[in-house]
Amino acid sequence: MDYGFTLGDWVVYTMWGVFGFMILDFVFAFARSFWSGSFDTTFLGYLKDIVFYVVPLNFILSMTSIDPTHYTLIVLYFLGGASVIVKYVVDIVRRFQSLAS
């Protein structure tokens, strides 16, 4: 398998990052609720996150063929993907901070 650094590869890596941090946040939230002995259904909010974060990113990506500049929507996609990753990193850090206190 050839891993490269083309624009198409970075699009895939961005989506991997979004899903990776989404899964990490889910695992930490699920482990915390499991060890506390209360099964909380607030982790079902990840379905909402997929609709609000991942589907728009895929929609932006599907619109790139009609973009006359060929880069405007790609830049918007990367900015959106990076902001979703930052959101989940902040959520994970907050979970660790609330766990420590």
Protein backbone atom coordinates (compact mmCIF):
# COMPACT_ATOMS: atom_id res chain seq x y z
CA MET A 1 0.00 0.00 0.00
CA ASP A 2 1.41 3.34 -1.04
CA TYR A 3 0.97 6.14 1.47
CA GLY A 4 1.60 9.49 -0.09
CA PHE A 5 1.30 13.15 0.53
CA THR A 6 -0.96 14.17 -2.32
CA LEU A 7 -4.04 16.29 -1.77
CA GLY A 8 -6.31 13.27 -2.01
CA ASP A 9 -4.27 11.47 0.64
CA TRP A 10 -4.55 14.42 3.00
CA VAL A 11 -8.31 14.46 2.51
CA VAL A 12 -8.44 10.83 3.65
CA TYR A 13 -6.05 11.50 6.56
CA THR A 14 -8.25 14.39 7.72
CA MET A 15 -11.32 12.17 7.83
CA TRP A 16 -9.31 9.47 9.63
CA GLY A 17 -8.33 12.11 12.20
CA VAL A 18 -11.93 13.20 12.67
CA PHE A 19 -13.15 9.65 13.18
CA GLY A 20 -10.11 8.72 15.28
CA PHE A 21 -10.61 11.51 17.77
CA MET A 22 -14.35 10.87 17.78
CA ILE A 23 -13.66 7.25 18.72
CA LEU A 24 -11.12 8.25 21.38
CA ASP A 25 -13.61 10.63 22.96
CA PHE A 26 -16.27 7.92 22.88
CA VAL A 27 -13.95 5.37 24.50
CA PHE A 28 -13.03 7.75 27.31
CA ALA A 29 -16.67 8.70 27.93
CA PHE A 30 -17.81 5.08 27.84
CA ALA A 31 -14.98 3.90 30.13
CA ARG A 32 -15.76 6.66 32.61
CA SER A 33 -19.45 5.76 32.73
CA PHE A 34 -18.61 2.06 32.94
CA TRP A 35 -16.21 2.46 35.87
CA SER A 36 -18.56 4.78 37.72
CA GLY A 37 -21.25 2.11 37.50
CA SER A 38 -23.79 4.23 35.70
CA PHE A 39 -24.59 3.48 32.11
CA ASP A 40 -25.38 6.89 30.72
CA THR A 41 -26.87 7.30 27.25
CA THR A 42 -25.29 10.70 26.67
CA PHE A 43 -22.72 9.02 24.47
CA LEU A 44 -25.50 8.67 21.88
CA GLY A 45 -24.76 12.30 21.06
CA TYR A 46 -22.07 10.96 18.74
CA LEU A 47 -24.81 10.16 16.24
CA LYS A 48 -25.69 13.84 16.29
CA ASP A 49 -22.02 14.73 15.88
CA ILE A 50 -21.80 12.57 12.78
CA VAL A 51 -24.79 14.39 11.29
CA PHE A 52 -23.50 17.84 12.30
CA TYR A 53 -19.77 17.39 11.60
CA VAL A 54 -19.00 14.47 9.29
CA VAL A 55 -21.89 14.75 6.81
CA PRO A 56 -21.20 18.45 6.10
CA LEU A 57 -17.52 17.65 5.54
CA ASN A 58 -18.48 14.96 3.05
CA PHE A 59 -20.94 17.34 1.40
CA ILE A 60 -18.24 20.01 1.03
CA LEU A 61 -15.94 17.39 -0.44
CA SER A 62 -18.56 16.26 -2.93
CA MET A 63 -19.03 19.85 -4.13
CA THR A 64 -15.37 20.32 -5.12
CA SER A 65 -16.02 19.25 -8.72
CA ILE A 66 -18.12 22.38 -9.32
CA ASP A 67 -15.72 24.75 -7.52
CA PRO A 68 -14.22 27.04 -10.17
CA THR A 69 -11.04 27.67 -8.16
CA HIS A 70 -10.57 23.96 -7.32
CA TYR A 71 -9.14 24.89 -3.93
CA THR A 72 -11.68 26.98 -2.05
CA LEU A 73 -13.83 24.07 -0.89
CA ILE A 74 -10.76 21.91 -0.21
CA VAL A 75 -9.41 24.62 2.11
CA LEU A 76 -12.84 24.88 3.74
CA TYR A 77 -12.86 21.09 4.16
CA PHE A 78 -9.45 21.11 5.86
CA LEU A 79 -10.43 24.00 8.13
CA GLY A 80 -13.65 22.20 9.08
CA GLY A 81 -11.82 18.93 9.69
CA ALA A 82 -9.17 20.64 11.80
CA SER A 83 -11.82 22.43 13.86
CA VAL A 84 -13.65 19.14 14.53
CA ILE A 85 -10.37 17.53 15.60
CA VAL A 86 -9.63 20.48 17.92
CA LYS A 87 -13.15 20.20 19.38
CA TYR A 88 -12.59 16.56 20.27
CA VAL A 89 -9.10 17.20 21.66
CA VAL A 90 -10.56 19.89 23.92
CA ASP A 91 -13.35 17.49 24.99
CA ILE A 92 -10.81 14.77 25.81
CA VAL A 93 -8.66 17.19 27.82
CA ARG A 94 -11.74 18.36 29.75
CA ARG A 95 -12.63 14.76 30.56
CA PHE A 96 -9.17 14.17 31.96
CA GLN A 97 -9.30 17.41 33.95
CA SER A 98 -12.67 16.53 35.45
CA LEU A 99 -11.38 13.04 36.21
CA ALA A 100 -8.36 14.44 38.06
CA SER A 101 -10.40 16.82 40.21
